[in-house]
N, C-alpha and C. Protein backbone atom coordinates (compact mmCIF):
# COMPACT_ATOMS: atom_id res chain seq x y z
N MET A 1 -243.16 126.97 -20.90
CA MET A 1 -242.23 126.80 -22.00
C MET A 1 -240.82 127.14 -21.53
N GLN A 2 -239.87 126.55 -22.22
CA GLN A 2 -238.47 126.80 -21.91
C GLN A 2 -237.79 127.53 -23.07
N THR A 3 -236.75 128.24 -22.73
CA THR A 3 -235.94 128.88 -23.76
C THR A 3 -234.86 127.91 -24.18
N THR A 4 -234.64 127.81 -25.47
CA THR A 4 -233.64 126.88 -26.00
C THR A 4 -232.43 127.64 -26.53
N THR A 5 -231.27 127.16 -26.18
CA THR A 5 -230.02 127.67 -26.74
C THR A 5 -229.68 126.82 -27.94
N TYR A 6 -229.18 127.43 -28.99
CA TYR A 6 -228.80 126.67 -30.17
C TYR A 6 -227.52 127.21 -30.76
N LEU A 7 -226.87 126.40 -31.56
CA LEU A 7 -225.64 126.80 -32.22
C LEU A 7 -225.96 127.70 -33.41
N GLU A 8 -225.23 128.79 -33.51
CA GLU A 8 -225.32 129.66 -34.68
C GLU A 8 -224.15 129.37 -35.60
N MET A 9 -224.19 129.90 -36.81
CA MET A 9 -223.11 129.67 -37.77
C MET A 9 -221.77 130.15 -37.20
N ALA A 10 -221.78 131.26 -36.49
CA ALA A 10 -220.54 131.76 -35.89
C ALA A 10 -219.97 130.76 -34.89
N ASP A 11 -220.85 130.08 -34.14
CA ASP A 11 -220.40 129.05 -33.20
C ASP A 11 -219.77 127.88 -33.94
N ALA A 12 -220.42 127.45 -35.00
CA ALA A 12 -219.89 126.34 -35.79
C ALA A 12 -218.52 126.71 -36.36
N GLN A 13 -218.37 127.94 -36.80
CA GLN A 13 -217.09 128.38 -37.35
C GLN A 13 -216.01 128.42 -36.26
N THR A 14 -216.38 128.86 -35.07
CA THR A 14 -215.44 128.88 -33.94
C THR A 14 -214.97 127.47 -33.61
N ILE A 15 -215.92 126.54 -33.54
CA ILE A 15 -215.59 125.14 -33.25
C ILE A 15 -214.67 124.59 -34.34
N ALA A 16 -215.05 124.81 -35.59
CA ALA A 16 -214.29 124.27 -36.72
C ALA A 16 -212.88 124.83 -36.76
N THR A 17 -212.73 126.11 -36.51
CA THR A 17 -211.41 126.74 -36.54
C THR A 17 -210.49 126.14 -35.48
N ALA A 18 -211.02 125.97 -34.27
CA ALA A 18 -210.21 125.40 -33.19
C ALA A 18 -209.90 123.93 -33.42
N ALA A 19 -210.87 123.19 -33.91
CA ALA A 19 -210.65 121.77 -34.19
C ALA A 19 -209.62 121.59 -35.31
N LEU A 20 -209.75 122.41 -36.34
CA LEU A 20 -208.79 122.35 -37.45
C LEU A 20 -207.38 122.69 -36.96
N ALA A 21 -207.27 123.68 -36.09
CA ALA A 21 -205.96 124.05 -35.55
C ALA A 21 -205.34 122.89 -34.77
N GLU A 22 -206.17 122.19 -33.99
CA GLU A 22 -205.67 121.03 -33.23
C GLU A 22 -205.19 119.93 -34.17
N ALA A 23 -205.94 119.67 -35.21
CA ALA A 23 -205.55 118.65 -36.19
C ALA A 23 -204.25 119.05 -36.88
N GLN A 24 -204.15 120.29 -37.31
CA GLN A 24 -202.94 120.76 -38.02
C GLN A 24 -201.72 120.74 -37.11
N LYS A 25 -201.92 121.10 -35.84
CA LYS A 25 -200.81 121.11 -34.87
C LYS A 25 -200.19 119.72 -34.76
N ASN A 26 -201.02 118.69 -34.90
CA ASN A 26 -200.55 117.31 -34.77
C ASN A 26 -200.31 116.61 -36.11
N ASN A 27 -200.45 117.35 -37.20
CA ASN A 27 -200.28 116.79 -38.55
C ASN A 27 -201.24 115.63 -38.81
N TRP A 28 -202.49 115.79 -38.36
CA TRP A 28 -203.53 114.79 -38.55
C TRP A 28 -204.48 115.24 -39.65
N LEU A 29 -204.78 114.37 -40.58
CA LEU A 29 -205.69 114.66 -41.69
C LEU A 29 -207.05 114.06 -41.36
N VAL A 30 -208.03 114.92 -41.15
CA VAL A 30 -209.34 114.47 -40.68
C VAL A 30 -210.47 115.21 -41.38
N THR A 31 -211.66 114.70 -41.12
CA THR A 31 -212.89 115.40 -41.46
C THR A 31 -213.56 115.81 -40.16
N ILE A 32 -214.07 117.04 -40.13
CA ILE A 32 -214.74 117.60 -38.96
C ILE A 32 -216.19 117.88 -39.33
N ALA A 33 -217.10 117.35 -38.53
CA ALA A 33 -218.53 117.59 -38.74
C ALA A 33 -219.13 118.20 -37.49
N ILE A 34 -220.00 119.17 -37.69
CA ILE A 34 -220.70 119.82 -36.57
C ILE A 34 -222.19 119.77 -36.89
N VAL A 35 -222.97 119.32 -35.91
CA VAL A 35 -224.42 119.20 -36.08
C VAL A 35 -225.15 119.96 -34.99
N ASP A 36 -226.43 120.24 -35.23
CA ASP A 36 -227.27 120.87 -34.21
C ASP A 36 -227.82 119.79 -33.28
N ALA A 37 -228.67 120.18 -32.37
CA ALA A 37 -229.21 119.25 -31.37
C ALA A 37 -230.01 118.11 -31.98
N GLY A 38 -230.56 118.32 -33.16
CA GLY A 38 -231.31 117.28 -33.84
C GLY A 38 -230.46 116.40 -34.75
N GLY A 39 -229.15 116.64 -34.74
CA GLY A 39 -228.24 115.85 -35.56
C GLY A 39 -228.13 116.33 -37.00
N HIS A 40 -228.67 117.51 -37.28
CA HIS A 40 -228.65 118.05 -38.64
C HIS A 40 -227.32 118.76 -38.90
N LEU A 41 -226.73 118.47 -40.03
CA LEU A 41 -225.40 118.98 -40.36
C LEU A 41 -225.38 120.49 -40.49
N LEU A 42 -224.46 121.13 -39.77
CA LEU A 42 -224.22 122.56 -39.87
C LEU A 42 -222.91 122.86 -40.59
N TRP A 43 -221.93 121.96 -40.44
CA TRP A 43 -220.59 122.21 -40.97
C TRP A 43 -219.93 120.88 -41.28
N LEU A 44 -219.27 120.82 -42.41
CA LEU A 44 -218.48 119.64 -42.77
C LEU A 44 -217.23 120.13 -43.48
N GLN A 45 -216.08 119.69 -42.99
CA GLN A 45 -214.81 120.10 -43.58
C GLN A 45 -213.87 118.90 -43.63
N ARG A 46 -213.50 118.51 -44.85
CA ARG A 46 -212.52 117.43 -45.01
C ARG A 46 -211.21 118.05 -45.43
N MET A 47 -210.20 117.83 -44.61
CA MET A 47 -208.88 118.39 -44.89
C MET A 47 -208.29 117.73 -46.13
N ASP A 48 -207.47 118.47 -46.85
CA ASP A 48 -206.78 117.91 -47.99
C ASP A 48 -206.00 116.67 -47.55
N GLY A 49 -206.19 115.57 -48.25
CA GLY A 49 -205.49 114.34 -47.93
C GLY A 49 -206.22 113.42 -46.97
N ALA A 50 -207.30 113.90 -46.35
CA ALA A 50 -208.07 113.03 -45.45
C ALA A 50 -208.81 111.98 -46.28
N ALA A 51 -208.95 110.80 -45.74
CA ALA A 51 -209.61 109.71 -46.45
C ALA A 51 -211.05 110.08 -46.79
N PRO A 52 -211.49 109.80 -48.01
CA PRO A 52 -212.87 110.11 -48.38
C PRO A 52 -213.90 109.47 -47.44
N LEU A 53 -213.63 108.29 -46.94
CA LEU A 53 -214.56 107.63 -46.03
C LEU A 53 -214.82 108.46 -44.77
N SER A 54 -213.82 109.23 -44.36
CA SER A 54 -213.98 110.04 -43.15
C SER A 54 -215.09 111.07 -43.28
N SER A 55 -215.44 111.45 -44.52
CA SER A 55 -216.51 112.42 -44.72
C SER A 55 -217.89 111.79 -44.50
N HIS A 56 -217.94 110.49 -44.36
CA HIS A 56 -219.18 109.80 -44.00
C HIS A 56 -219.19 109.47 -42.50
N ILE A 57 -218.03 109.12 -41.98
CA ILE A 57 -217.94 108.70 -40.58
C ILE A 57 -218.09 109.87 -39.61
N ALA A 58 -217.45 111.00 -39.89
CA ALA A 58 -217.51 112.15 -38.98
C ALA A 58 -218.95 112.64 -38.75
N PRO A 59 -219.75 112.84 -39.81
CA PRO A 59 -221.13 113.26 -39.55
C PRO A 59 -221.95 112.21 -38.80
N ALA A 60 -221.65 110.93 -39.05
CA ALA A 60 -222.37 109.86 -38.35
C ALA A 60 -222.05 109.89 -36.86
N LYS A 61 -220.79 110.13 -36.53
CA LYS A 61 -220.41 110.25 -35.11
C LYS A 61 -221.10 111.44 -34.47
N ALA A 62 -221.10 112.58 -35.15
CA ALA A 62 -221.74 113.78 -34.61
C ALA A 62 -223.24 113.55 -34.43
N HIS A 63 -223.87 112.94 -35.40
CA HIS A 63 -225.30 112.66 -35.36
C HIS A 63 -225.64 111.78 -34.16
N ALA A 64 -224.87 110.71 -33.97
CA ALA A 64 -225.11 109.80 -32.84
C ALA A 64 -224.92 110.51 -31.50
N ALA A 65 -223.90 111.35 -31.41
CA ALA A 65 -223.65 112.07 -30.16
C ALA A 65 -224.78 113.06 -29.85
N ALA A 66 -225.27 113.74 -30.87
CA ALA A 66 -226.35 114.71 -30.66
C ALA A 66 -227.65 114.02 -30.26
N LEU A 67 -228.02 112.99 -30.99
CA LEU A 67 -229.29 112.33 -30.69
C LEU A 67 -229.25 111.60 -29.35
N GLY A 68 -228.10 111.04 -29.01
CA GLY A 68 -227.96 110.34 -27.73
C GLY A 68 -227.65 111.28 -26.58
N ARG A 69 -227.28 112.52 -26.93
CA ARG A 69 -226.93 113.53 -25.94
C ARG A 69 -225.77 113.10 -25.06
N ARG A 70 -224.84 112.36 -25.70
CA ARG A 70 -223.65 111.91 -24.98
C ARG A 70 -222.57 111.54 -25.98
N ASP A 71 -221.37 111.43 -25.48
CA ASP A 71 -220.24 111.11 -26.34
C ASP A 71 -220.34 109.68 -26.87
N THR A 72 -219.88 109.48 -28.08
CA THR A 72 -220.01 108.17 -28.72
C THR A 72 -219.07 107.12 -28.14
N LYS A 73 -218.08 107.53 -27.39
CA LYS A 73 -217.20 106.54 -26.76
C LYS A 73 -218.00 105.60 -25.87
N GLY A 74 -219.03 106.10 -25.23
CA GLY A 74 -219.88 105.26 -24.39
C GLY A 74 -220.54 104.15 -25.18
N TYR A 75 -220.96 104.46 -26.40
CA TYR A 75 -221.56 103.43 -27.25
C TYR A 75 -220.52 102.40 -27.68
N GLU A 76 -219.35 102.89 -28.09
CA GLU A 76 -218.29 101.97 -28.50
C GLU A 76 -217.92 101.03 -27.35
N ASP A 77 -217.76 101.59 -26.15
CA ASP A 77 -217.42 100.77 -24.98
C ASP A 77 -218.50 99.74 -24.69
N MET A 78 -219.77 100.16 -24.77
CA MET A 78 -220.89 99.27 -24.50
C MET A 78 -220.87 98.08 -25.47
N ILE A 79 -220.66 98.36 -26.73
CA ILE A 79 -220.63 97.31 -27.76
C ILE A 79 -219.42 96.40 -27.56
N ASN A 80 -218.25 97.02 -27.31
CA ASN A 80 -217.04 96.22 -27.10
C ASN A 80 -217.12 95.36 -25.85
N ASN A 81 -217.93 95.76 -24.89
CA ASN A 81 -218.10 94.99 -23.66
C ASN A 81 -219.20 93.93 -23.78
N GLY A 82 -219.68 93.71 -25.01
CA GLY A 82 -220.58 92.59 -25.24
C GLY A 82 -222.02 92.92 -25.56
N ARG A 83 -222.42 94.15 -25.43
CA ARG A 83 -223.83 94.48 -25.73
C ARG A 83 -223.98 94.78 -27.22
N THR A 84 -223.71 93.77 -28.02
CA THR A 84 -223.74 93.93 -29.47
C THR A 84 -225.15 94.14 -30.00
N SER A 85 -226.16 93.81 -29.23
CA SER A 85 -227.54 94.03 -29.67
C SER A 85 -227.81 95.52 -29.90
N PHE A 86 -227.02 96.39 -29.29
CA PHE A 86 -227.21 97.82 -29.50
C PHE A 86 -226.95 98.22 -30.95
N LEU A 87 -226.22 97.42 -31.67
CA LEU A 87 -225.97 97.69 -33.08
C LEU A 87 -227.26 97.71 -33.90
N SER A 88 -228.34 97.16 -33.36
CA SER A 88 -229.62 97.14 -34.07
C SER A 88 -230.47 98.38 -33.76
N ALA A 89 -229.96 99.31 -32.96
CA ALA A 89 -230.71 100.54 -32.66
C ALA A 89 -231.00 101.28 -33.97
N PRO A 90 -232.22 101.77 -34.14
CA PRO A 90 -232.58 102.40 -35.41
C PRO A 90 -231.93 103.76 -35.61
N THR A 91 -231.63 104.06 -36.85
CA THR A 91 -231.12 105.35 -37.35
C THR A 91 -229.83 105.85 -36.71
N ILE A 92 -229.09 104.97 -36.06
CA ILE A 92 -227.84 105.42 -35.44
C ILE A 92 -226.68 104.66 -36.06
N GLU A 93 -225.72 105.43 -36.54
CA GLU A 93 -224.46 104.90 -37.05
C GLU A 93 -223.35 105.68 -36.35
N GLY A 94 -222.13 105.40 -36.66
CA GLY A 94 -221.03 106.16 -36.09
C GLY A 94 -220.83 105.93 -34.61
N LEU A 95 -220.99 104.69 -34.18
CA LEU A 95 -220.89 104.35 -32.76
C LEU A 95 -219.44 104.09 -32.35
N LEU A 96 -218.58 105.01 -32.76
CA LEU A 96 -217.16 104.94 -32.47
C LEU A 96 -216.73 106.20 -31.73
N GLU A 97 -215.71 106.09 -30.91
CA GLU A 97 -215.20 107.27 -30.21
C GLU A 97 -214.85 108.35 -31.23
N GLY A 98 -215.13 109.59 -30.88
CA GLY A 98 -214.82 110.71 -31.77
C GLY A 98 -216.02 111.60 -32.03
N GLY A 99 -217.17 111.24 -31.46
CA GLY A 99 -218.34 112.09 -31.51
C GLY A 99 -218.60 112.63 -30.12
N LEU A 100 -218.59 113.95 -29.95
CA LEU A 100 -218.77 114.55 -28.63
C LEU A 100 -219.97 115.47 -28.63
N ALA A 101 -220.83 115.29 -27.64
CA ALA A 101 -221.99 116.15 -27.47
C ALA A 101 -221.54 117.50 -26.92
N ILE A 102 -222.22 118.55 -27.34
CA ILE A 102 -221.97 119.89 -26.81
C ILE A 102 -223.08 120.17 -25.80
N ILE A 103 -222.71 120.23 -24.53
CA ILE A 103 -223.68 120.42 -23.46
C ILE A 103 -223.54 121.83 -22.91
N HIS A 104 -224.66 122.54 -22.84
CA HIS A 104 -224.69 123.90 -22.29
C HIS A 104 -225.88 124.01 -21.36
N GLN A 105 -225.61 124.33 -20.10
CA GLN A 105 -226.64 124.45 -19.07
C GLN A 105 -227.55 123.22 -19.03
N GLY A 106 -226.91 122.05 -19.10
CA GLY A 106 -227.63 120.79 -19.01
C GLY A 106 -228.35 120.34 -20.26
N GLN A 107 -228.28 121.12 -21.32
CA GLN A 107 -228.93 120.76 -22.59
C GLN A 107 -227.89 120.42 -23.64
N CYS A 108 -228.20 119.43 -24.45
CA CYS A 108 -227.37 119.15 -25.61
C CYS A 108 -227.79 120.12 -26.71
N ILE A 109 -226.85 120.94 -27.16
CA ILE A 109 -227.15 121.92 -28.20
C ILE A 109 -226.54 121.56 -29.55
N GLY A 110 -225.86 120.42 -29.58
CA GLY A 110 -225.24 119.97 -30.82
C GLY A 110 -224.15 118.97 -30.53
N ALA A 111 -223.34 118.70 -31.54
CA ALA A 111 -222.24 117.75 -31.36
C ALA A 111 -221.19 117.96 -32.44
N VAL A 112 -220.01 117.44 -32.15
CA VAL A 112 -218.90 117.47 -33.10
C VAL A 112 -218.47 116.04 -33.33
N GLY A 113 -218.26 115.68 -34.59
CA GLY A 113 -217.73 114.38 -34.94
C GLY A 113 -216.48 114.55 -35.76
N VAL A 114 -215.47 113.77 -35.46
CA VAL A 114 -214.20 113.83 -36.18
C VAL A 114 -213.82 112.42 -36.58
N SER A 115 -213.27 112.29 -37.79
CA SER A 115 -212.80 111.00 -38.26
C SER A 115 -211.55 111.18 -39.11
N GLY A 116 -210.63 110.24 -38.97
CA GLY A 116 -209.45 110.27 -39.82
C GLY A 116 -208.19 109.75 -39.15
N VAL A 117 -208.16 109.80 -37.82
CA VAL A 117 -207.00 109.28 -37.09
C VAL A 117 -207.50 108.29 -36.04
N LYS A 118 -206.69 107.95 -35.05
CA LYS A 118 -207.15 107.06 -34.00
C LYS A 118 -208.34 107.69 -33.30
N SER A 119 -209.25 106.86 -32.81
CA SER A 119 -210.48 107.38 -32.22
C SER A 119 -210.24 108.35 -31.08
N ASN A 120 -209.27 108.07 -30.21
CA ASN A 120 -209.00 108.98 -29.11
C ASN A 120 -208.44 110.31 -29.62
N GLU A 121 -207.72 110.27 -30.74
CA GLU A 121 -207.22 111.50 -31.35
C GLU A 121 -208.36 112.28 -32.02
N ASP A 122 -209.29 111.55 -32.64
CA ASP A 122 -210.50 112.20 -33.17
C ASP A 122 -211.21 112.96 -32.05
N ALA A 123 -211.37 112.31 -30.90
CA ALA A 123 -212.03 112.93 -29.75
C ALA A 123 -211.26 114.14 -29.24
N GLN A 124 -209.94 114.06 -29.26
CA GLN A 124 -209.10 115.18 -28.83
C GLN A 124 -209.35 116.41 -29.71
N ILE A 125 -209.47 116.19 -31.00
CA ILE A 125 -209.75 117.28 -31.94
C ILE A 125 -211.13 117.87 -31.68
N ALA A 126 -212.12 117.00 -31.52
CA ALA A 126 -213.48 117.47 -31.25
C ALA A 126 -213.54 118.26 -29.95
N GLN A 127 -212.84 117.79 -28.92
CA GLN A 127 -212.84 118.48 -27.63
C GLN A 127 -212.19 119.86 -27.75
N ALA A 128 -211.14 119.97 -28.54
CA ALA A 128 -210.50 121.28 -28.75
C ALA A 128 -211.48 122.25 -29.40
N GLY A 129 -212.27 121.76 -30.33
CA GLY A 129 -213.27 122.60 -30.97
C GLY A 129 -214.32 123.08 -29.99
N ILE A 130 -214.84 122.16 -29.21
CA ILE A 130 -215.89 122.51 -28.23
C ILE A 130 -215.35 123.47 -27.18
N ALA A 131 -214.11 123.25 -26.74
CA ALA A 131 -213.51 124.12 -25.72
C ALA A 131 -213.43 125.57 -26.18
N ALA A 132 -213.31 125.78 -27.48
CA ALA A 132 -213.22 127.14 -28.01
C ALA A 132 -214.49 127.95 -27.78
N LEU A 133 -215.60 127.27 -27.53
CA LEU A 133 -216.85 127.98 -27.24
C LEU A 133 -216.83 128.61 -25.85
N GLY A 134 -215.98 128.08 -24.97
CA GLY A 134 -215.89 128.61 -23.61
C GLY A 134 -217.12 128.41 -22.77
N LEU A 135 -217.79 127.28 -22.96
CA LEU A 135 -219.02 127.01 -22.21
C LEU A 135 -218.76 126.65 -20.77
């Protein structure tokens, strides 16, 4: 048997605080979602003024990153490069840049999804959150 590392509520709060600070520093209105390794929602925060739709997109990005154990930009690039059949993959939505897997000691322990600004800016916010864990 192996020992599993998992995100605790304090970790989710650390990620959310850092991600929120990055968004505020840039005057970006977003929704931040944090999920565990199974894609289950641990944290959802929609900033005042962020588009209501972003509260659906951010968790979908996080879910896809966690289940795929990789950043969602790879999925977006794959689809944009012509592999549109991947859109038929079951139970996966949010195949846009802005979902980042949290990898610790080679294991995916969760993911962060951000929605509300340009996709690369969403990813920048998510990366700031993950960096706060100091993994």
